[in-house]
């Protein structure tokens, strides 16, 4: 019964993390800021960290199955 929510949460975390990481890498390669009105380095650092944490949470959710 508890595997359904874990699968859903893991999928959401992994999709969000992968999308954010792809966006961050794409913007960093173009030498453009990730967030509007913020310099490149801090915005890429924070976005990259959030993406990695999200991917780790997704992996943890899948590991709980």
Protein backbone atom coordinates (compact mmCIF):
# COMPACT_ATOMS: atom_id res chain seq x y z
CA UNK A 1 0.00 0.00 0.00
CA UNK A 2 2.83 2.43 0.74
CA UNK A 3 4.74 1.70 -2.46
CA UNK A 4 2.33 3.79 -4.56
CA UNK A 5 3.09 7.11 -2.86
CA UNK A 6 6.81 6.32 -2.79
CA UNK A 7 6.82 5.64 -6.52
CA UNK A 8 4.88 8.84 -7.21
CA UNK A 9 7.08 11.00 -4.97
CA UNK A 10 10.28 9.47 -6.35
CA UNK A 11 9.14 10.07 -9.90
CA UNK A 12 8.22 13.69 -9.19
CA UNK A 13 11.51 14.40 -7.42
CA UNK A 14 13.55 12.76 -10.18
CA UNK A 15 11.71 14.52 -13.00
CA UNK A 16 12.00 17.90 -11.29
CA UNK A 17 15.69 17.38 -10.50
CA UNK A 18 16.51 16.22 -14.01
CA UNK A 19 14.61 19.11 -15.60
CA UNK A 20 16.23 21.68 -13.34
CA UNK A 21 19.67 20.20 -13.91
CA UNK A 22 19.15 20.24 -17.70
CA UNK A 23 17.97 23.86 -17.54
CA UNK A 24 20.95 24.87 -15.39
CA UNK A 25 23.50 23.18 -17.65
CA UNK A 26 21.87 24.63 -20.76
CA UNK A 27 21.92 28.17 -19.39
CA UNK A 28 25.45 27.84 -18.00
CA UNK A 29 26.81 26.66 -21.36
CA UNK A 30 25.28 29.71 -23.02
CA UNK A 31 26.89 31.97 -20.37
CA UNK A 32 23.49 33.26 -19.33
CA UNK A 33 22.04 33.54 -15.82
CA UNK A 34 19.80 30.74 -14.62
CA UNK A 35 17.49 33.11 -12.74
CA UNK A 36 16.39 36.52 -13.95
CA UNK A 37 18.12 39.39 -12.18
CA UNK A 38 20.78 37.23 -10.48
CA UNK A 39 24.40 36.83 -11.52
CA UNK A 40 25.45 33.65 -13.28
CA UNK A 41 27.61 31.90 -10.69
CA UNK A 42 25.35 32.09 -7.61
CA UNK A 43 22.22 31.22 -9.58
CA UNK A 44 23.87 28.21 -11.23
CA UNK A 45 25.29 27.07 -7.90
CA UNK A 46 21.98 27.24 -6.05
CA UNK A 47 20.00 25.71 -8.91
CA UNK A 48 22.54 22.91 -9.30
CA UNK A 49 22.46 22.18 -5.57
CA UNK A 50 18.65 22.08 -5.53
CA UNK A 51 18.65 19.78 -8.56
CA UNK A 52 21.09 17.37 -6.93
CA UNK A 53 19.14 17.36 -3.66
CA UNK A 54 15.95 16.65 -5.58
CA UNK A 55 17.59 13.77 -7.45
CA UNK A 56 18.93 12.40 -4.16
CA UNK A 57 15.45 12.58 -2.60
CA UNK A 58 14.02 10.76 -5.60
CA UNK A 59 16.65 8.04 -5.28
CA UNK A 60 15.92 7.78 -1.55
CA UNK A 61 12.19 7.38 -2.26
CA UNK A 62 12.90 4.62 -4.77
CA UNK A 63 15.27 3.01 -2.29
CA UNK A 64 12.47 2.79 0.28
CA UNK A 65 10.45 0.40 -1.90
